């Protein structure tokens, strides 16, 4: 693969390693939306085509990042047609969500934490 098109051509050079990181431009974001004027049968065909397109995009992204030394953890990187997560970054309809959204989701305690605490108390 030729990564020349993705490498940063800005002030820091022409895509050379800076420290331990490659300076990369963001890969193109796919505009994935359904047109509401379609019939339900057309929407299902379009949804299937979108899922296939997103799967191919993720495969290329994973391969590209692996080739440059940035392996993607599949269990931490997932997608839906509206929400995308990569590591600590969340995008909803291709707009970055603030980290506070993720922090708020951690407010609720995990069920396993309660049971672990009870088990310790009764020993």
PDB file of N, CA and C in Angstrom:
ATOM      1  N   UNK A   1       0.835  -1.187   0.000  1.00  0.00           N
ATOM      2  CA  UNK A   1       0.000   0.000   0.000  1.00  0.00           C
ATOM      3  C   UNK A   1       0.873   1.241   0.000  1.00  0.00           C
ATOM      4  N   UNK A   2       0.385   2.279  -0.652  1.00  0.00           N
ATOM      5  CA  UNK A   2       1.090   3.544  -0.682  1.00  0.00           C
ATOM      6  C   UNK A   2       0.443   4.490   0.313  1.00  0.00           C
ATOM      7  N   UNK A   3       1.179   4.883   1.330  1.00  0.00           N
ATOM      8  CA  UNK A   3       0.642   5.756   2.361  1.00  0.00           C
ATOM      9  C   UNK A   3       0.992   7.213   2.116  1.00  0.00           C
ATOM     10  N   UNK A   4       1.604   7.510   0.968  1.00  0.00           N
ATOM     11  CA  UNK A   4       2.027   8.875   0.681  1.00  0.00           C
ATOM     12  C   UNK A   4       0.893   9.876   0.716  1.00  0.00           C
ATOM     13  N   UNK A   5      -0.298   9.480   0.284  1.00  0.00           N
ATOM     14  CA  UNK A   5      -1.431  10.396   0.255  1.00  0.00           C
ATOM     15  C   UNK A   5      -1.934  10.701   1.659  1.00  0.00           C
ATOM     16  N   UNK A   6      -1.701   9.803   2.608  1.00  0.00           N
ATOM     17  CA  UNK A   6      -2.208  10.005   3.956  1.00  0.00           C
ATOM     18  C   UNK A   6      -1.221  10.757   4.835  1.00  0.00           C
ATOM     19  N   UNK A   7       0.036  10.781   4.460  1.00  0.00           N
ATOM     20  CA  UNK A   7       1.034  11.371   5.337  1.00  0.00           C
ATOM     21  C   UNK A   7       0.934  12.886   5.332  1.00  0.00           C
ATOM     22  N   UNK A   8       1.210  13.457   6.458  1.00  0.00           N
ATOM     23  CA  UNK A   8       1.099  14.898   6.650  1.00  0.00           C
ATOM     24  C   UNK A   8       2.174  15.611   5.840  1.00  0.00           C
ATOM     25  N   UNK A   9       1.757  16.587   5.065  1.00  0.00           N
ATOM     26  CA  UNK A   9       2.699  17.379   4.279  1.00  0.00           C
ATOM     27  C   UNK A   9       2.869  18.768   4.903  1.00  0.00           C
ATOM     28  N   UNK A  10       2.594  18.903   6.185  1.00  0.00           N
ATOM     29  CA  UNK A  10       2.608  20.196   6.872  1.00  0.00           C
ATOM     30  C   UNK A  10       3.998  20.621   7.296  1.00  0.00           C
ATOM     31  N   UNK A  11       4.054  21.460   8.346  1.00  0.00           N
ATOM     32  CA  UNK A  11       5.299  22.062   8.818  1.00  0.00           C
ATOM     33  C   UNK A  11       6.331  21.039   9.259  1.00  0.00           C
ATOM     34  N   UNK A  12       5.899  19.920   9.799  1.00  0.00           N
ATOM     35  CA  UNK A  12       6.833  18.984  10.422  1.00  0.00           C
ATOM     36  C   UNK A  12       7.553  18.094   9.422  1.00  0.00           C
ATOM     37  N   UNK A  13       7.331  18.259   8.149  1.00  0.00           N
ATOM     38  CA  UNK A  13       8.033  17.431   7.185  1.00  0.00           C
ATOM     39  C   UNK A  13       7.076  16.707   6.280  1.00  0.00           C
ATOM     40  N   UNK A  14       7.585  15.735   5.606  1.00  0.00           N
ATOM     41  CA  UNK A  14       6.771  15.037   4.610  1.00  0.00           C
ATOM     42  C   UNK A  14       6.437  13.630   5.071  1.00  0.00           C
ATOM     43  N   UNK A  15       5.817  13.511   6.230  1.00  0.00           N
ATOM     44  CA  UNK A  15       5.388  12.206   6.697  1.00  0.00           C
ATOM     45  C   UNK A  15       6.474  11.408   7.382  1.00  0.00           C
ATOM     46  N   UNK A  16       7.570  12.038   7.755  1.00  0.00           N
ATOM     47  CA  UNK A  16       8.637  11.318   8.443  1.00  0.00           C
ATOM     48  C   UNK A  16       8.234  11.069   9.880  1.00  0.00           C
ATOM     49  N   UNK A  17       8.893  10.108  10.484  1.00  0.00           N
ATOM     50  CA  UNK A  17       8.597   9.819  11.885  1.00  0.00           C
ATOM     51  C   UNK A  17       9.027  10.990  12.756  1.00  0.00           C
ATOM     52  N   UNK A  18       8.123  11.378  13.654  1.00  0.00           N
ATOM     53  CA  UNK A  18       8.420  12.425  14.625  1.00  0.00           C
ATOM     54  C   UNK A  18       8.285  11.755  15.974  1.00  0.00           C
ATOM     55  N   UNK A  19       9.382  11.531  16.653  1.00  0.00           N
ATOM     56  CA  UNK A  19       9.349  10.743  17.877  1.00  0.00           C
ATOM     57  C   UNK A  19       8.962   9.320  17.516  1.00  0.00           C
ATOM     58  N   UNK A  20       7.935   8.797  18.153  1.00  0.00           N
ATOM     59  CA  UNK A  20       7.486   7.435  17.876  1.00  0.00           C
ATOM     60  C   UNK A  20       6.232   7.405  17.011  1.00  0.00           C
ATOM     61  N   UNK A  21       5.773   8.569  16.543  1.00  0.00           N
ATOM     62  CA  UNK A  21       4.510   8.593  15.821  1.00  0.00           C
ATOM     63  C   UNK A  21       4.694   9.066  14.392  1.00  0.00           C
ATOM     64  N   UNK A  22       3.872   8.554  13.506  1.00  0.00           N
ATOM     65  CA  UNK A  22       3.791   9.097  12.159  1.00  0.00           C
ATOM     66  C   UNK A  22       2.762  10.211  12.177  1.00  0.00           C
ATOM     67  N   UNK A  23       3.067  11.301  11.528  1.00  0.00           N
ATOM     68  CA  UNK A  23       2.104  12.387  11.430  1.00  0.00           C
ATOM     69  C   UNK A  23       1.174  12.071  10.262  1.00  0.00           C
ATOM     70  N   UNK A  24      -0.049  11.679  10.575  1.00  0.00           N
ATOM     71  CA  UNK A  24      -1.000  11.270   9.546  1.00  0.00           C
ATOM     72  C   UNK A  24      -2.177  12.221   9.489  1.00  0.00           C
ATOM     73  N   UNK A  25      -2.665  12.438   8.286  1.00  0.00           N
ATOM     74  CA  UNK A  25      -3.926  13.146   8.145  1.00  0.00           C
ATOM     75  C   UNK A  25      -5.030  12.161   8.462  1.00  0.00           C
ATOM     76  N   UNK A  26      -6.168  12.641   8.945  1.00  0.00           N
ATOM     77  CA  UNK A  26      -7.277  11.713   9.204  1.00  0.00           C
ATOM     78  C   UNK A  26      -7.714  11.026   7.920  1.00  0.00           C
ATOM     79  N   UNK A  27      -8.017   9.754   8.027  1.00  0.00           N
ATOM     80  CA  UNK A  27      -8.555   9.050   6.871  1.00  0.00           C
ATOM     81  C   UNK A  27      -9.927   9.612   6.571  1.00  0.00           C
ATOM     82  N   UNK A  28     -10.324   9.555   5.320  1.00  0.00           N
ATOM     83  CA  UNK A  28     -11.604  10.158   4.937  1.00  0.00           C
ATOM     84  C   UNK A  28     -12.748   9.511   5.696  1.00  0.00           C
ATOM     85  N   UNK A  29     -13.655  10.348   6.167  1.00  0.00           N
ATOM     86  CA  UNK A  29     -14.830   9.857   6.877  1.00  0.00           C
ATOM     87  C   UNK A  29     -15.920   9.584   5.852  1.00  0.00           C
ATOM     88  N   UNK A  30     -16.579   8.472   6.004  1.00  0.00           N
ATOM     89  CA  UNK A  30     -17.664   8.130   5.095  1.00  0.00           C
ATOM     90  C   UNK A  30     -18.938   8.814   5.548  1.00  0.00           C
ATOM     91  N   UNK A  31     -19.658   9.380   4.615  1.00  0.00           N
ATOM     92  CA  UNK A  31     -20.963   9.946   4.940  1.00  0.00           C
ATOM     93  C   UNK A  31     -21.973   8.821   4.786  1.00  0.00           C
ATOM     94  N   UNK A  32     -22.460   8.314   5.894  1.00  0.00           N
ATOM     95  CA  UNK A  32     -23.372   7.180   5.895  1.00  0.00           C
ATOM     96  C   UNK A  32     -24.712   7.621   6.456  1.00  0.00           C
ATOM     97  N   UNK A  33     -25.662   7.828   5.578  1.00  0.00           N
ATOM     98  CA  UNK A  33     -26.992   8.201   6.039  1.00  0.00           C
ATOM     99  C   UNK A  33     -28.024   7.596   5.098  1.00  0.00           C
ATOM    100  N   UNK A  34     -29.198   7.380   5.640  1.00  0.00           N
ATOM    101  CA  UNK A  34     -30.293   6.858   4.839  1.00  0.00           C
ATOM    102  C   UNK A  34     -31.209   8.002   4.441  1.00  0.00           C
ATOM    103  N   UNK A  35     -31.650   7.997   3.195  1.00  0.00           N
ATOM    104  CA  UNK A  35     -32.580   9.010   2.715  1.00  0.00           C
ATOM    105  C   UNK A  35     -33.979   8.588   3.132  1.00  0.00           C
ATOM    106  N   UNK A  36     -34.711   9.475   3.782  1.00  0.00           N
ATOM    107  CA  UNK A  36     -36.008   9.106   4.349  1.00  0.00           C
ATOM    108  C   UNK A  36     -37.099   8.923   3.305  1.00  0.00           C
ATOM    109  N   UNK A  37     -36.869   9.323   2.058  1.00  0.00           N
ATOM    110  CA  UNK A  37     -37.896   9.187   1.022  1.00  0.00           C
ATOM    111  C   UNK A  37     -37.895   7.805   0.375  1.00  0.00           C
ATOM    112  N   UNK A  38     -36.990   6.935   0.754  1.00  0.00           N
ATOM    113  CA  UNK A  38     -36.922   5.604   0.156  1.00  0.00           C
ATOM    114  C   UNK A  38     -38.018   4.708   0.716  1.00  0.00           C
ATOM    115  N   UNK A  39     -38.408   3.705  -0.079  1.00  0.00           N
ATOM    116  CA  UNK A  39     -39.362   2.720   0.422  1.00  0.00           C
ATOM    117  C   UNK A  39     -38.653   1.814   1.427  1.00  0.00           C
ATOM    118  N   UNK A  40     -39.429   1.065   2.203  1.00  0.00           N
ATOM    119  CA  UNK A  40     -38.823   0.216   3.236  1.00  0.00           C
ATOM    120  C   UNK A  40     -37.929  -0.858   2.621  1.00  0.00           C
ATOM    121  N   UNK A  41     -38.311  -1.376   1.452  1.00  0.00           N
ATOM    122  CA  UNK A  41     -37.477  -2.386   0.794  1.00  0.00           C
ATOM    123  C   UNK A  41     -36.156  -1.760   0.338  1.00  0.00           C
ATOM    124  N   UNK A  42     -36.231  -0.549  -0.225  1.00  0.00           N
ATOM    125  CA  UNK A  42     -35.014   0.138  -0.651  1.00  0.00           C
ATOM    126  C   UNK A  42     -34.120   0.466   0.539  1.00  0.00           C
ATOM    127  N   UNK A  43     -34.734   0.811   1.682  1.00  0.00           N
ATOM    128  CA  UNK A  43     -33.950   1.113   2.877  1.00  0.00           C
ATOM    129  C   UNK A  43     -33.172  -0.105   3.343  1.00  0.00           C
ATOM    130  N   UNK A  44     -33.793  -1.280   3.295  1.00  0.00           N
ATOM    131  CA  UNK A  44     -33.096  -2.501   3.715  1.00  0.00           C
ATOM    132  C   UNK A  44     -31.935  -2.807   2.785  1.00  0.00           C
ATOM    133  N   UNK A  45     -32.128  -2.605   1.484  1.00  0.00           N
ATOM    134  CA  UNK A  45     -31.041  -2.821   0.529  1.00  0.00           C
ATOM    135  C   UNK A  45     -29.928  -1.811   0.804  1.00  0.00           C
ATOM    136  N   UNK A  46     -30.317  -0.554   1.022  1.00  0.00           N
ATOM    137  CA  UNK A  46     -29.333   0.486   1.300  1.00  0.00           C
ATOM    138  C   UNK A  46     -28.608   0.205   2.609  1.00  0.00           C
ATOM    139  N   UNK A  47     -29.338  -0.216   3.636  1.00  0.00           N
ATOM    140  CA  UNK A  47     -28.722  -0.523   4.934  1.00  0.00           C
ATOM    141  C   UNK A  47     -27.709  -1.657   4.779  1.00  0.00           C
ATOM    142  N   UNK A  48     -28.060  -2.690   4.017  1.00  0.00           N
ATOM    143  CA  UNK A  48     -27.123  -3.796   3.792  1.00  0.00           C
ATOM    144  C   UNK A  48     -25.889  -3.307   3.042  1.00  0.00           C
ATOM    145  N   UNK A  49     -26.092  -2.442   2.054  1.00  0.00           N
ATOM    146  CA  UNK A  49     -24.958  -1.893   1.303  1.00  0.00           C
ATOM    147  C   UNK A  49     -24.083  -1.027   2.206  1.00  0.00           C
ATOM    148  N   UNK A  50     -24.715  -0.257   3.100  1.00  0.00           N
ATOM    149  CA  UNK A  50     -23.951   0.575   4.026  1.00  0.00           C
ATOM    150  C   UNK A  50     -23.136  -0.273   4.994  1.00  0.00           C
ATOM    151  N   UNK A  51     -23.746  -1.344   5.507  1.00  0.00           N
ATOM    152  CA  UNK A  51     -23.016  -2.223   6.425  1.00  0.00           C
ATOM    153  C   UNK A  51     -21.812  -2.839   5.732  1.00  0.00           C
ATOM    154  N   UNK A  52     -21.991  -3.247   4.481  1.00  0.00           N
ATOM    155  CA  UNK A  52     -20.877  -3.825   3.728  1.00  0.00           C
ATOM    156  C   UNK A  52     -19.793  -2.773   3.499  1.00  0.00           C
ATOM    157  N   UNK A  53     -20.206  -1.556   3.169  1.00  0.00           N
ATOM    158  CA  UNK A  53     -19.252  -0.478   2.918  1.00  0.00           C
ATOM    159  C   UNK A  53     -18.467  -0.132   4.186  1.00  0.00           C
ATOM    160  N   UNK A  54     -19.161  -0.066   5.310  1.00  0.00           N
ATOM    161  CA  UNK A  54     -18.489   0.237   6.579  1.00  0.00           C
ATOM    162  C   UNK A  54     -17.544  -0.893   6.966  1.00  0.00           C
ATOM    163  N   UNK A  55     -17.959  -2.140   6.751  1.00  0.00           N
ATOM    164  CA  UNK A  55     -17.088  -3.282   7.062  1.00  0.00           C
ATOM    165  C   UNK A  55     -15.816  -3.244   6.228  1.00  0.00           C
ATOM    166  N   UNK A  56     -15.951  -2.912   4.949  1.00  0.00           N
ATOM    167  CA  UNK A  56     -14.769  -2.800   4.088  1.00  0.00           C
ATOM    168  C   UNK A  56     -13.877  -1.649   4.553  1.00  0.00           C
ATOM    169  N   UNK A  57     -14.494  -0.532   4.927  1.00  0.00           N
ATOM    170  CA  UNK A  57     -13.740   0.624   5.424  1.00  0.00           C
ATOM    171  C   UNK A  57     -12.947   0.249   6.673  1.00  0.00           C
ATOM    172  N   UNK A  58     -13.604  -0.454   7.605  1.00  0.00           N
ATOM    173  CA  UNK A  58     -12.923  -0.865   8.834  1.00  0.00           C
ATOM    174  C   UNK A  58     -11.788  -1.836   8.526  1.00  0.00           C
ATOM    175  N   UNK A  59     -11.990  -2.736   7.570  1.00  0.00           N
ATOM    176  CA  UNK A  59     -10.934  -3.684   7.207  1.00  0.00           C
ATOM    177  C   UNK A  59      -9.716  -2.944   6.661  1.00  0.00           C
ATOM    178  N   UNK A  60      -9.944  -1.946   5.799  1.00  0.00           N
ATOM    179  CA  UNK A  60      -8.838  -1.159   5.252  1.00  0.00           C
ATOM    180  C   UNK A  60      -8.172  -0.343   6.352  1.00  0.00           C
ATOM    181  N   UNK A  61      -8.968   0.247   7.236  1.00  0.00           N
ATOM    182  CA  UNK A  61      -8.420   1.030   8.342  1.00  0.00           C
ATOM    183  C   UNK A  61      -7.552   0.161   9.249  1.00  0.00           C
ATOM    184  N   UNK A  62      -8.049  -1.018   9.605  1.00  0.00           N
ATOM    185  CA  UNK A  62      -7.296  -1.928  10.478  1.00  0.00           C
ATOM    186  C   UNK A  62      -6.003  -2.366   9.806  1.00  0.00           C
ATOM    187  N   UNK A  63      -6.074  -2.711   8.520  1.00  0.00           N
ATOM    188  CA  UNK A  63      -4.879  -3.138   7.787  1.00  0.00           C
ATOM    189  C   UNK A  63      -3.868  -1.996   7.680  1.00  0.00           C
ATOM    190  N   UNK A  64      -4.352  -0.798   7.365  1.00  0.00           N
ATOM    191  CA  UNK A  64      -3.472   0.358   7.216  1.00  0.00           C
ATOM    192  C   UNK A  64      -2.766   0.684   8.523  1.00  0.00           C
ATOM    193  N   UNK A  65      -3.521   0.738   9.610  1.00  0.00           N
ATOM    194  CA  UNK A  65      -2.916   1.052  10.899  1.00  0.00           C
ATOM    195  C   UNK A  65      -1.966  -0.048  11.359  1.00  0.00           C
ATOM    196  N   UNK A  66      -2.291  -1.305  11.075  1.00  0.00           N
ATOM    197  CA  UNK A  66      -1.404  -2.415  11.432  1.00  0.00           C
ATOM    198  C   UNK A  66      -0.085  -2.307  10.662  1.00  0.00           C
ATOM    199  N   UNK A  67      -0.175  -1.959   9.362  1.00  0.00           N
ATOM    200  CA  UNK A  67       1.022  -1.858   8.532  1.00  0.00           C
ATOM    201  C   UNK A  67       1.979  -0.767   8.999  1.00  0.00           C
ATOM    202  N   UNK A  68       1.458   0.272   9.644  1.00  0.00           N
ATOM    203  CA  UNK A  68       2.338   1.349  10.111  1.00  0.00           C
ATOM    204  C   UNK A  68       2.675   1.209  11.589  1.00  0.00           C
ATOM    205  N   UNK A  69       2.306   0.067  12.174  1.00  0.00           N
ATOM    206  CA  UNK A  69       2.706  -0.214  13.546  1.00  0.00           C
ATOM    207  C   UNK A  69       1.729   0.231  14.613  1.00  0.00           C
ATOM    208  N   UNK A  70       0.477   0.438  14.249  1.00  0.00           N
ATOM    209  CA  UNK A  70      -0.540   0.844  15.221  1.00  0.00           C
ATOM    210  C   UNK A  70      -1.680  -0.172  15.193  1.00  0.00           C
ATOM    211  N   UNK A  71      -1.491  -1.333  15.820  1.00  0.00           N
ATOM    212  CA  UNK A  71      -2.539  -2.359  15.752  1.00  0.00           C
ATOM    213  C   UNK A  71      -3.829  -1.892  16.415  1.00  0.00           C
ATOM    214  N   UNK A  72      -4.943  -2.291  15.834  1.00  0.00           N
ATOM    215  CA  UNK A  72      -6.267  -1.934  16.338  1.00  0.00           C
ATOM    216  C   UNK A  72      -6.804  -3.102  17.148  1.00  0.00           C
ATOM    217  N   UNK A  73      -7.249  -2.823  18.356  1.00  0.00           N
ATOM    218  CA  UNK A  73      -7.862  -3.858  19.186  1.00  0.00           C
ATOM    219  C   UNK A  73      -9.329  -3.953  18.799  1.00  0.00           C
ATOM    220  N   UNK A  74      -9.713  -5.086  18.233  1.00  0.00           N
ATOM    221  CA  UNK A  74     -11.087  -5.236  17.753  1.00  0.00           C
ATOM    222  C   UNK A  74     -12.106  -5.109  18.873  1.00  0.00           C
ATOM    223  N   UNK A  75     -11.764  -5.592  20.065  1.00  0.00           N
ATOM    224  CA  UNK A  75     -12.720  -5.522  21.169  1.00  0.00           C
ATOM    225  C   UNK A  75     -12.914  -4.092  21.671  1.00  0.00           C
ATOM    226  N   UNK A  76     -11.986  -3.186  21.366  1.00  0.00           N
ATOM    227  CA  UNK A  76     -12.122  -1.794  21.782  1.00  0.00           C
ATOM    228  C   UNK A  76     -12.569  -0.885  20.650  1.00  0.00           C
ATOM    229  N   UNK A  77     -12.590  -1.381  19.438  1.00  0.00           N
ATOM    230  CA  UNK A  77     -12.980  -0.585  18.277  1.00  0.00           C
ATOM    231  C   UNK A  77     -14.176  -1.237  17.612  1.00  0.00           C
ATOM    232  N   UNK A  78     -15.295  -0.551  17.646  1.00  0.00           N
ATOM    233  CA  UNK A  78     -16.520  -1.098  17.103  1.00  0.00           C
ATOM    234  C   UNK A  78     -17.263   0.023  16.403  1.00  0.00           C
ATOM    235  N   UNK A  79     -18.296  -0.342  15.678  1.00  0.00           N
ATOM    236  CA  UNK A  79     -19.053   0.672  14.961  1.00  0.00           C
ATOM    237  C   UNK A  79     -20.505   0.256  14.803  1.00  0.00           C
ATOM    238  N   UNK A  80     -21.347   1.244  14.665  1.00  0.00           N
ATOM    239  CA  UNK A  80     -22.721   1.080  14.211  1.00  0.00           C
ATOM    240  C   UNK A  80     -22.881   2.100  13.095  1.00  0.00           C
ATOM    241  N   UNK A  81     -24.053   2.172  12.509  1.00  0.00           N
ATOM    242  CA  UNK A  81     -24.229   3.153  11.447  1.00  0.00           C
ATOM    243  C   UNK A  81     -24.258   4.585  11.980  1.00  0.00           C
ATOM    244  N   UNK A  82     -24.494   4.774  13.278  1.00  0.00           N
ATOM    245  CA  UNK A  82     -24.552   6.124  13.823  1.00  0.00           C
ATOM    246  C   UNK A  82     -23.439   6.449  14.796  1.00  0.00           C
ATOM    247  N   UNK A  83     -22.870   5.437  15.459  1.00  0.00           N
ATOM    248  CA  UNK A  83     -21.875   5.671  16.504  1.00  0.00           C
ATOM    249  C   UNK A  83     -20.612   4.888  16.185  1.00  0.00           C
ATOM    250  N   UNK A  84     -19.467   5.520  16.346  1.00  0.00           N
ATOM    251  CA  UNK A  84     -18.178   4.903  16.060  1.00  0.00           C
ATOM    252  C   UNK A  84     -17.266   5.164  17.248  1.00  0.00           C
ATOM    253  N   UNK A  85     -16.542   4.149  17.667  1.00  0.00           N
ATOM    254  CA  UNK A  85     -15.607   4.303  18.782  1.00  0.00           C
ATOM    255  C   UNK A  85     -14.257   3.746  18.379  1.00  0.00           C
ATOM    256  N   UNK A  86     -13.207   4.481  18.702  1.00  0.00           N
ATOM    257  CA  UNK A  86     -11.847   4.007  18.510  1.00  0.00           C
ATOM    258  C   UNK A  86     -11.070   4.406  19.753  1.00  0.00           C
ATOM    259  N   UNK A  87     -10.720   3.424  20.552  1.00  0.00           N
ATOM    260  CA  UNK A  87     -10.014   3.712  21.796  1.00  0.00           C
ATOM    261  C   UNK A  87     -10.867   4.567  22.707  1.00  0.00           C
ATOM    262  N   UNK A  88     -10.404   5.770  23.019  1.00  0.00           N
ATOM    263  CA  UNK A  88     -11.143   6.669  23.905  1.00  0.00           C
ATOM    264  C   UNK A  88     -11.992   7.675  23.146  1.00  0.00           C
ATOM    265  N   UNK A  89     -11.910   7.679  21.829  1.00  0.00           N
ATOM    266  CA  UNK A  89     -12.664   8.641  21.024  1.00  0.00           C
ATOM    267  C   UNK A  89     -14.009   8.068  20.625  1.00  0.00           C
ATOM    268  N   UNK A  90     -15.051   8.862  20.799  1.00  0.00           N
ATOM    269  CA  UNK A  90     -16.398   8.492  20.379  1.00  0.00           C
ATOM    270  C   UNK A  90     -16.880   9.501  19.349  1.00  0.00           C
ATOM    271  N   UNK A  91     -17.466   8.999  18.247  1.00  0.00           N
ATOM    272  CA  UNK A  91     -18.050   9.867  17.235  1.00  0.00           C
ATOM    273  C   UNK A  91     -19.505   9.469  17.046  1.00  0.00           C
ATOM    274  N   UNK A  92     -20.409  10.448  17.117  1.00  0.00           N
ATOM    275  CA  UNK A  92     -21.824  10.202  16.857  1.00  0.00           C
ATOM    276  C   UNK A  92     -22.199  10.967  15.604  1.00  0.00           C
ATOM    277  N   UNK A  93     -22.621  10.239  14.587  1.00  0.00           N
ATOM    278  CA  UNK A  93     -22.899  10.798  13.267  1.00  0.00           C
ATOM    279  C   UNK A  93     -21.723  11.659  12.809  1.00  0.00           C
ATOM    280  N   UNK A  94     -20.506  11.130  12.998  1.00  0.00           N
ATOM    281  CA  UNK A  94     -19.222  11.672  12.551  1.00  0.00           C
ATOM    282  C   UNK A  94     -18.851  12.981  13.236  1.00  0.00           C
ATOM    283  N   UNK A  95     -19.419  13.232  14.422  1.00  0.00           N
ATOM    284  CA  UNK A  95     -19.037  14.384  15.232  1.00  0.00           C
ATOM    285  C   UNK A  95     -18.436  13.845  16.525  1.00  0.00           C
ATOM    286  N   UNK A  96     -17.247  14.332  16.890  1.00  0.00           N
ATOM    287  CA  UNK A  96     -16.600  13.869  18.117  1.00  0.00           C
ATOM    288  C   UNK A  96     -17.447  14.235  19.327  1.00  0.00           C
ATOM    289  N   UNK A  97     -17.654  13.267  20.209  1.00  0.00           N
ATOM    290  CA  UNK A  97     -18.356  13.508  21.462  1.00  0.00           C
ATOM    291  C   UNK A  97     -17.339  13.919  22.515  1.00  0.00           C
ATOM    292  N   UNK A  98     -17.708  14.820  23.401  1.00  0.00           N
ATOM    293  CA  UNK A  98     -16.767  15.193  24.460  1.00  0.00           C
ATOM    294  C   UNK A  98     -16.525  14.016  25.401  1.00  0.00           C
ATOM    295  N   UNK A  99     -15.374  14.007  26.024  1.00  0.00           N
ATOM    296  CA  UNK A  99     -15.000  12.918  26.922  1.00  0.00           C
ATOM    297  C   UNK A  99     -15.943  12.857  28.117  1.00  0.00           C
ATOM    298  N   UNK A 100     -16.608  13.971  28.437  1.00  0.00           N
ATOM    299  CA  UNK A 100     -17.524  13.982  29.580  1.00  0.00           C
ATOM    300  C   UNK A 100     -18.672  13.005  29.399  1.00  0.00           C
ATOM    301  N   UNK A 101     -19.069  12.740  28.152  1.00  0.00           N
ATOM    302  CA  UNK A 101     -20.133  11.759  27.907  1.00  0.00           C
ATOM    303  C   UNK A 101     -19.689  10.388  28.392  1.00  0.00           C
ATOM    304  N   UNK A 102     -18.440  10.026  28.108  1.00  0.00           N
ATOM    305  CA  UNK A 102     -17.926   8.737  28.551  1.00  0.00           C
ATOM    306  C   UNK A 102     -17.781   8.712  30.073  1.00  0.00           C
ATOM    307  N   UNK A 103     -17.350   9.821  30.655  1.00  0.00           N
ATOM    308  CA  UNK A 103     -17.201   9.882  32.111  1.00  0.00           C
ATOM    309  C   UNK A 103     -18.548   9.746  32.803  1.00  0.00           C
ATOM    310  N   UNK A 104     -19.577  10.373  32.238  1.00  0.00           N
ATOM    311  CA  UNK A 104     -20.922  10.269  32.829  1.00  0.00           C
ATOM    312  C   UNK A 104     -21.433   8.833  32.786  1.00  0.00           C
ATOM    313  N   UNK A 105     -21.066   8.096  31.758  1.00  0.00           N
ATOM    314  CA  UNK A 105     -21.518   6.709  31.667  1.00  0.00           C
ATOM    315  C   UNK A 105     -20.871   5.831  32.735  1.00  0.00           C
ATOM    316  N   UNK A 106     -19.786   6.287  33.320  1.00  0.00           N
ATOM    317  CA  UNK A 106     -19.104   5.514  34.369  1.00  0.00           C
ATOM    318  C   UNK A 106     -19.644   5.814  35.766  1.00  0.00           C
ATOM    319  N   UNK A 107     -20.570   6.757  35.877  1.00  0.00           N
ATOM    320  CA  UNK A 107     -21.128   7.111  37.182  1.00  0.00           C
ATOM    321  C   UNK A 107     -21.866   5.930  37.793  1.00  0.00           C
ATOM    322  N   UNK A 108     -22.592   5.195  36.962  1.00  0.00           N
ATOM    323  CA  UNK A 108     -23.363   4.050  37.441  1.00  0.00           C
ATOM    324  C   UNK A 108     -22.390   2.936  37.792  1.00  0.00           C
ATOM    325  N   UNK A 109     -22.506   2.410  39.002  1.00  0.00           N
ATOM    326  CA  UNK A 109     -21.580   1.358  39.420  1.00  0.00           C
ATOM    327  C   UNK A 109     -21.909   0.050  38.708  1.00  0.00           C
ATOM    328  N   UNK A 110     -20.921  -0.771  38.571  1.00  0.00           N
ATOM    329  CA  UNK A 110     -21.080  -2.068  37.924  1.00  0.00           C
ATOM    330  C   UNK A 110     -21.704  -3.053  38.909  1.00  0.00           C
ATOM    331  N   UNK A 111     -22.546  -3.935  38.410  1.00  0.00           N
ATOM    332  CA  UNK A 111     -23.209  -4.928  39.258  1.00  0.00           C
ATOM    333  C   UNK A 111     -22.178  -5.819  39.940  1.00  0.00           C
ATOM    334  N   UNK A 112     -21.132  -6.178  39.244  1.00  0.00           N
ATOM    335  CA  UNK A 112     -20.110  -7.057  39.816  1.00  0.00           C
ATOM    336  C   UNK A 112     -19.403  -6.413  41.004  1.00  0.00           C
ATOM    337  N   UNK A 113     -19.291  -5.083  41.004  1.00  0.00           N
ATOM    338  CA  UNK A 113     -18.655  -4.402  42.134  1.00  0.00           C
ATOM    339  C   UNK A 113     -19.450  -4.607  43.415  1.00  0.00           C
ATOM    340  N   UNK A 114     -20.774  -4.552  43.333  1.00  0.00           N
ATOM    341  CA  UNK A 114     -21.631  -4.728  44.505  1.00  0.00           C
ATOM    342  C   UNK A 114     -21.500  -6.145  45.045  1.00  0.00           C
ATOM    343  N   UNK A 115     -21.575  -7.136  44.163  1.00  0.00           N
ATOM    344  CA  UNK A 115     -21.485  -8.521  44.611  1.00  0.00           C
ATOM    345  C   UNK A 115     -20.110  -8.824  45.195  1.00  0.00           C
ATOM    346  N   UNK A 116     -19.070  -8.273  44.616  1.00  0.00           N
ATOM    347  CA  UNK A 116     -17.726  -8.472  45.155  1.00  0.00           C
ATOM    348  C   UNK A 116     -17.649  -7.884  46.566  1.00  0.00           C
ATOM    349  N   UNK A 117     -18.213  -6.707  46.769  1.00  0.00           N
ATOM    350  CA  UNK A 117     -18.193  -6.062  48.074  1.00  0.00           C
ATOM    351  C   UNK A 117     -18.950  -6.893  49.102  1.00  0.00           C
ATOM    352  N   UNK A 118     -20.110  -7.449  48.710  1.00  0.00           N
ATOM    353  CA  UNK A 118     -20.884  -8.282  49.628  1.00  0.00           C
ATOM    354  C   UNK A 118     -20.127  -9.554  49.996  1.00  0.00           C
ATOM    355  N   UNK A 119     -19.450 -10.147  49.035  1.00  0.00           N
ATOM    356  CA  UNK A 119     -18.698 -11.372  49.301  1.00  0.00           C
ATOM    357  C   UNK A 119     -17.584 -11.115  50.307  1.00  0.00           C
ATOM    358  N   UNK A 120     -16.935  -9.970  50.206  1.00  0.00           N
ATOM    359  CA  UNK A 120     -15.862  -9.623  51.133  1.00  0.00           C
ATOM    360  C   UNK A 120     -16.422  -9.374  52.527  1.00  0.00           C
ATOM    361  N   UNK A 121     -17.588  -8.751  52.629  1.00  0.00           N
ATOM    362  CA  UNK A 121     -18.189  -8.422  53.920  1.00  0.00           C
ATOM    363  C   UNK A 121     -18.613  -9.657  54.703  1.00  0.00           C
ATOM    364  N   UNK A 122     -19.023 -10.726  54.025  1.00  0.00           N
ATOM    365  CA  UNK A 122     -19.530 -11.911  54.717  1.00  0.00           C
ATOM    366  C   UNK A 122     -18.457 -12.944  55.023  1.00  0.00           C
ATOM    367  N   UNK A 123     -17.217 -12.719  54.679  1.00  0.00           N
ATOM    368  CA  UNK A 123     -16.156 -13.694  54.963  1.00  0.00           C
ATOM    369  C   UNK A 123     -15.724 -13.640  56.386  1.00  0.00           C
TER     370      UNK A 123
END
